[in-house]
C-alpha atoms as a PDB file:
ATOM      1  CA  MET A   1       6.957   0.763 -12.739  1.00  0.00           C
ATOM      2  CA  ALA A   2       3.525   1.838 -11.817  1.00  0.00           C
ATOM      3  CA  THR A   3       1.518  -0.578  -9.704  1.00  0.00           C
ATOM      4  CA  ARG A   4      -2.311  -1.760  -9.978  1.00  0.00           C
ATOM      5  CA  HIS A   5      -3.171   0.537  -7.221  1.00  0.00           C
ATOM      6  CA  GLN A   6      -1.899   3.325  -9.197  1.00  0.00           C
ATOM      7  CA  ALA A   7      -3.668   1.971 -12.513  1.00  0.00           C
ATOM      8  CA  ARG A   8      -7.045   1.712 -10.357  1.00  0.00           C
ATOM      9  CA  THR A   9      -6.683   5.293  -9.191  1.00  0.00           C
ATOM     10  CA  ALA A  10      -6.153   6.707 -12.627  1.00  0.00           C
ATOM     11  CA  VAL A  11      -9.086   4.481 -13.698  1.00  0.00           C
ATOM     12  CA  VAL A  12     -11.733   5.998 -11.205  1.00  0.00           C
ATOM     13  CA  GLY A  13     -10.231   9.299 -12.649  1.00  0.00           C
ATOM     14  CA  LEU A  14     -11.279   8.231 -15.920  1.00  0.00           C
ATOM     15  CA  LEU A  15     -14.753   6.993 -14.649  1.00  0.00           C
ATOM     16  CA  TYR A  16     -15.115  10.034 -12.939  1.00  0.00           C
ATOM     17  CA  ALA A  17     -14.598  12.268 -16.252  1.00  0.00           C
ATOM     18  CA  TYR A  18     -16.917   9.737 -18.166  1.00  0.00           C
ATOM     19  CA  ASP A  19     -19.606  10.160 -15.124  1.00  0.00           C
ATOM     20  CA  LEU A  20     -19.090  14.265 -15.604  1.00  0.00           C
ATOM     21  CA  GLY A  21     -20.499  13.894 -19.262  1.00  0.00           C
ATOM     22  CA  ASN A  22     -16.639  13.499 -20.885  1.00  0.00           C
ATOM     23  CA  THR A  23     -17.888  10.333 -23.124  1.00  0.00           C
ATOM     24  CA  ASP A  24     -14.893  10.338 -25.211  1.00  0.00           C
ATOM     25  CA  ILE A  25     -12.444  10.207 -22.553  1.00  0.00           C
ATOM     26  CA  GLY A  26     -11.207   6.810 -23.968  1.00  0.00           C
ATOM     27  CA  ASP A  27      -9.843   8.774 -26.852  1.00  0.00           C
ATOM     28  CA  PHE A  28      -7.404  10.306 -24.422  1.00  0.00           C
ATOM     29  CA  PHE A  29      -6.916   7.194 -22.316  1.00  0.00           C
ATOM     30  CA  ASP A  30      -3.004   6.622 -23.536  1.00  0.00           C
ATOM     31  CA  THR A  31      -1.961  10.218 -23.100  1.00  0.00           C
ATOM     32  CA  ILE A  32      -3.655  10.317 -19.409  1.00  0.00           C
ATOM     33  CA  LEU A  33      -1.681   7.090 -18.292  1.00  0.00           C
ATOM     34  CA  GLU A  34       1.222   8.248 -19.663  1.00  0.00           C
ATOM     35  CA  GLU A  35       1.268  11.316 -17.766  1.00  0.00           C
ATOM     36  CA  ASP A  36       0.644   9.173 -14.826  1.00  0.00           C
ATOM     37  CA  LYS A  37       3.591   6.963 -16.192  1.00  0.00           C
ATOM     38  CA  ILE A  38       1.343   4.093 -16.242  1.00  0.00           C
ATOM     39  CA  ARG A  39       2.877   1.509 -18.800  1.00  0.00           C
ATOM     40  CA  ASN A  40       3.162  -1.623 -20.398  1.00  0.00           C
ATOM     41  CA  LYS A  41       1.218  -4.409 -18.070  1.00  0.00           C
ATOM     42  CA  GLN A  42      -0.480  -1.912 -15.940  1.00  0.00           C
ATOM     43  CA  ARG A  43      -1.382   0.094 -18.982  1.00  0.00           C
ATOM     44  CA  GLU A  44      -3.368  -2.788 -20.540  1.00  0.00           C
ATOM     45  CA  PHE A  45      -4.760  -3.799 -17.168  1.00  0.00           C
ATOM     46  CA  SER A  46      -6.215  -0.084 -16.714  1.00  0.00           C
ATOM     47  CA  LYS A  47      -7.598  -0.250 -20.487  1.00  0.00           C
ATOM     48  CA  ALA A  48      -9.518  -3.413 -19.591  1.00  0.00           C
ATOM     49  CA  LEU A  49     -10.938  -2.009 -16.272  1.00  0.00           C
ATOM     50  CA  PHE A  50     -11.821   1.029 -17.948  1.00  0.00           C
ATOM     51  CA  SER A  51     -13.349  -0.623 -20.887  1.00  0.00           C
ATOM     52  CA  GLY A  52     -14.869  -3.243 -18.995  1.00  0.00           C
ATOM     53  CA  THR A  53     -16.575  -1.085 -16.795  1.00  0.00           C
ATOM     54  CA  ILE A  54     -17.856   1.199 -19.514  1.00  0.00           C
ATOM     55  CA  LYS A  55     -19.275  -2.005 -21.510  1.00  0.00           C
ATOM     56  CA  ASN A  56     -21.164  -3.360 -18.447  1.00  0.00           C
ATOM     57  CA  LEU A  57     -22.151  -0.142 -16.837  1.00  0.00           C
ATOM     58  CA  LEU A  58     -26.030  -1.094 -16.693  1.00  0.00           C
ATOM     59  CA  THR A  59     -25.047  -4.136 -15.137  1.00  0.00           C
ATOM     60  CA  ILE A  60     -22.759  -2.636 -12.810  1.00  0.00           C
ATOM     61  CA  ASP A  61     -25.223   0.199 -11.832  1.00  0.00           C
ATOM     62  CA  SER A  62     -28.178  -2.239 -11.268  1.00  0.00           C
ATOM     63  CA  GLU A  63     -25.882  -4.413  -9.043  1.00  0.00           C
ATOM     64  CA  ILE A  64     -25.195  -1.484  -6.835  1.00  0.00           C
ATOM     65  CA  GLN A  65     -28.483  -0.016  -6.747  1.00  0.00           C
ATOM     66  CA  LYS A  66     -29.802  -3.479  -5.564  1.00  0.00           C
ATOM     67  CA  HIS A  67     -27.556  -3.090  -2.715  1.00  0.00           C
ATOM     68  CA  LEU A  68     -28.068   0.442  -1.206  1.00  0.00           C
ATOM     69  CA  LYS A  69     -30.107   0.673   1.441  1.00  0.00           C
ATOM     70  CA  ASP A  70     -31.490   3.981   2.046  1.00  0.00           C
ATOM     71  CA  TRP A  71     -29.738   5.820  -0.321  1.00  0.00           C
ATOM     72  CA  ASP A  72     -31.078   7.155  -3.787  1.00  0.00           C
ATOM     73  CA  TYR A  73     -28.308   6.365  -6.516  1.00  0.00           C
ATOM     74  CA  GLN A  74     -28.525   9.873  -7.626  1.00  0.00           C
ATOM     75  CA  SER A  75     -27.488  11.476  -4.696  1.00  0.00           C
ATOM     76  CA  ILE A  76     -24.149   9.510  -4.483  1.00  0.00           C
ATOM     77  CA  GLY A  77     -20.953  11.230  -5.086  1.00  0.00           C
ATOM     78  CA  LYS A  78     -19.512  10.972  -8.478  1.00  0.00           C
ATOM     79  CA  VAL A  79     -15.969   9.928  -7.121  1.00  0.00           C
ATOM     80  CA  GLU A  80     -18.018   7.220  -4.546  1.00  0.00           C
ATOM     81  CA  LYS A  81     -19.723   6.320  -7.480  1.00  0.00           C
ATOM     82  CA  SER A  82     -16.658   5.991  -9.696  1.00  0.00           C
ATOM     83  CA  ILE A  83     -14.921   3.725  -7.143  1.00  0.00           C
ATOM     84  CA  MET A  84     -17.782   1.193  -6.470  1.00  0.00           C
ATOM     85  CA  ARG A  85     -18.463   0.840 -10.245  1.00  0.00           C
ATOM     86  CA  LEU A  86     -14.636   0.004 -10.876  1.00  0.00           C
ATOM     87  CA  ALA A  87     -14.742  -2.354  -7.812  1.00  0.00           C
ATOM     88  CA  THR A  88     -18.160  -3.922  -8.534  1.00  0.00           C
ATOM     89  CA  TYR A  89     -16.709  -4.669 -12.079  1.00  0.00           C
ATOM     90  CA  GLU A  90     -13.760  -6.654 -10.631  1.00  0.00           C
ATOM     91  CA  ILE A  91     -15.754  -8.475  -8.269  1.00  0.00           C
ATOM     92  CA  ILE A  92     -19.012  -9.684 -10.613  1.00  0.00           C
ATOM     93  CA  ILE A  93     -17.513  -9.655 -13.910  1.00  0.00           C
ATOM     94  CA  GLU A  94     -13.468 -10.191 -13.237  1.00  0.00           C
ATOM     95  CA  GLY A  95     -14.169 -12.530 -10.407  1.00  0.00           C
ATOM     96  CA  THR A  96     -11.154 -10.874  -8.804  1.00  0.00           C
ATOM     97  CA  ASP A  97     -11.102 -11.797  -4.715  1.00  0.00           C
ATOM     98  CA  LYS A  98     -13.582  -9.791  -3.000  1.00  0.00           C
ATOM     99  CA  ARG A  99     -11.389  -8.952  -0.007  1.00  0.00           C
ATOM    100  CA  ILE A 100      -8.830  -7.780  -2.128  1.00  0.00           C
ATOM    101  CA  ILE A 101     -11.119  -5.578  -4.400  1.00  0.00           C
ATOM    102  CA  ILE A 102     -13.019  -4.106  -1.394  1.00  0.00           C
ATOM    103  CA  ASN A 103      -9.832  -3.244   0.526  1.00  0.00           C
ATOM    104  CA  GLU A 104      -8.526  -1.437  -2.744  1.00  0.00           C
ATOM    105  CA  ALA A 105     -11.870   0.732  -2.876  1.00  0.00           C
ATOM    106  CA  ILE A 106     -11.507   1.851   0.555  1.00  0.00           C
ATOM    107  CA  GLU A 107      -7.957   2.864   0.260  1.00  0.00           C
ATOM    108  CA  LEU A 108      -9.200   4.599  -3.160  1.00  0.00           C
ATOM    109  CA  ALA A 109     -11.901   6.165  -0.971  1.00  0.00           C
ATOM    110  CA  LYS A 110      -9.709   7.370   1.942  1.00  0.00           C
ATOM    111  CA  ALA A 111      -7.554   9.182  -0.611  1.00  0.00           C
ATOM    112  CA  LEU A 112     -10.269  10.557  -3.023  1.00  0.00           C
ATOM    113  CA  ALA A 113     -13.129  10.759  -1.113  1.00  0.00           C
ATOM    114  CA  ASP A 114     -14.693  12.262   1.840  1.00  0.00           C
ATOM    115  CA  ASP A 115     -14.172  10.736   5.251  1.00  0.00           C
ATOM    116  CA  LYS A 116     -17.652   8.957   5.406  1.00  0.00           C
ATOM    117  CA  SER A 117     -17.049   7.258   2.140  1.00  0.00           C
ATOM    118  CA  PRO A 118     -14.924   4.390   3.090  1.00  0.00           C
ATOM    119  CA  ARG A 119     -17.754   2.960   5.381  1.00  0.00           C
ATOM    120  CA  PHE A 120     -20.374   3.391   2.871  1.00  0.00           C
ATOM    121  CA  ILE A 121     -18.489   1.801  -0.074  1.00  0.00           C
ATOM    122  CA  ASN A 122     -17.191  -0.900   2.196  1.00  0.00           C
ATOM    123  CA  ALA A 123     -20.866  -1.766   3.316  1.00  0.00           C
ATOM    124  CA  VAL A 124     -22.356  -1.598  -0.200  1.00  0.00           C
ATOM    125  CA  LEU A 125     -19.125  -3.638  -1.985  1.00  0.00           C
ATOM    126  CA  ASP A 126     -19.494  -6.116   1.166  1.00  0.00           C
ATOM    127  CA  ALA A 127     -23.299  -6.591   0.464  1.00  0.00           C
ATOM    128  CA  ILE A 128     -22.526  -7.428  -3.424  1.00  0.00           C
ATOM    129  CA  GLY A 129     -19.455  -9.504  -2.572  1.00  0.00           C
ATOM    130  CA  LYS A 130     -22.038 -11.630  -0.413  1.00  0.00           C
ATOM    131  CA  GLU A 131     -24.613 -12.252  -3.067  1.00  0.00           C
ATOM    132  CA  GLU A 132     -24.587 -15.627  -4.109  1.00  0.00           C
ATOM    133  CA  VAL A 133     -23.895 -14.839  -7.931  1.00  0.00           C
ATOM    134  CA  VAL A 134     -21.013 -16.603  -9.260  1.00  0.00           C
ATOM    135  CA  LYS A 135     -19.087 -14.627 -11.965  1.00  0.00           C
ATOM    136  CA  ILE A 136     -21.496 -12.669 -14.791  1.00  0.00           C
ATOM    137  CA  GLU A 137     -20.064 -13.507 -18.368  1.00  0.00           C
ATOM    138  CA  LYS A 138     -18.173 -10.979 -19.959  1.00  0.00           C
ATOM    139  CA  PRO A 139     -20.079  -9.977 -23.138  1.00  0.00           C
ATOM    140  CA  GLU A 140     -17.317 -11.180 -25.266  1.00  0.00           C
ATOM    141  CA  GLU A 141     -17.448 -14.883 -23.809  1.00  0.00           C
ATOM    142  CA  ARG A 142     -21.017 -15.075 -24.575  1.00  0.00           C
ATOM    143  CA  GLU A 143     -21.789 -17.307 -27.161  1.00  0.00           C
ATOM    144  CA  LEU A 144     -23.735 -16.161 -29.866  1.00  0.00           C
ATOM    145  CA  PRO A 145     -27.338 -17.546 -30.487  1.00  0.00           C
ATOM    146  CA  LYS A 146     -27.324 -20.100 -33.318  1.00  0.00           C
ATOM    147  CA  GLU A 147     -29.767 -18.820 -36.189  1.00  0.00           C
ATOM    148  CA  LYS A 148     -32.859 -21.125 -36.367  1.00  0.00           C
ATOM    149  CA  PRO A 149     -32.939 -23.165 -39.206  1.00  0.00           C
ATOM    150  CA  GLU A 150     -35.568 -22.173 -41.780  1.00  0.00           C
END
């Protein structure tokens, strides 16, 4: 049975492919997860992470950019960006414990990115996690505005 770490690793790969311009990567989601032997609960977990991150990409990217110090967002590597996007989604939208998510992001960076990436990702995610913003609402949880009576 796959672990949440393996599920997140797969999601980072999918986000990376999406960032490279493969916007239809979601169509191959099940095939890719099956190859990685990610099934059942972990597959559903992966789907939720991937689709939630993609749906909230503008909010997530804006949040990351707010916390970059002396860095141009466009110059950040795609792997690092994918790791931070996933972690930011889990922290600000899912409300997952930031310590767990930051640790997971650092482990992903150690495995997938260059030697300096874990420190950089830690600093950015720590700043995001310290912000006083409570959980941002998921789009599907928002109440639709009521129509004005005529």
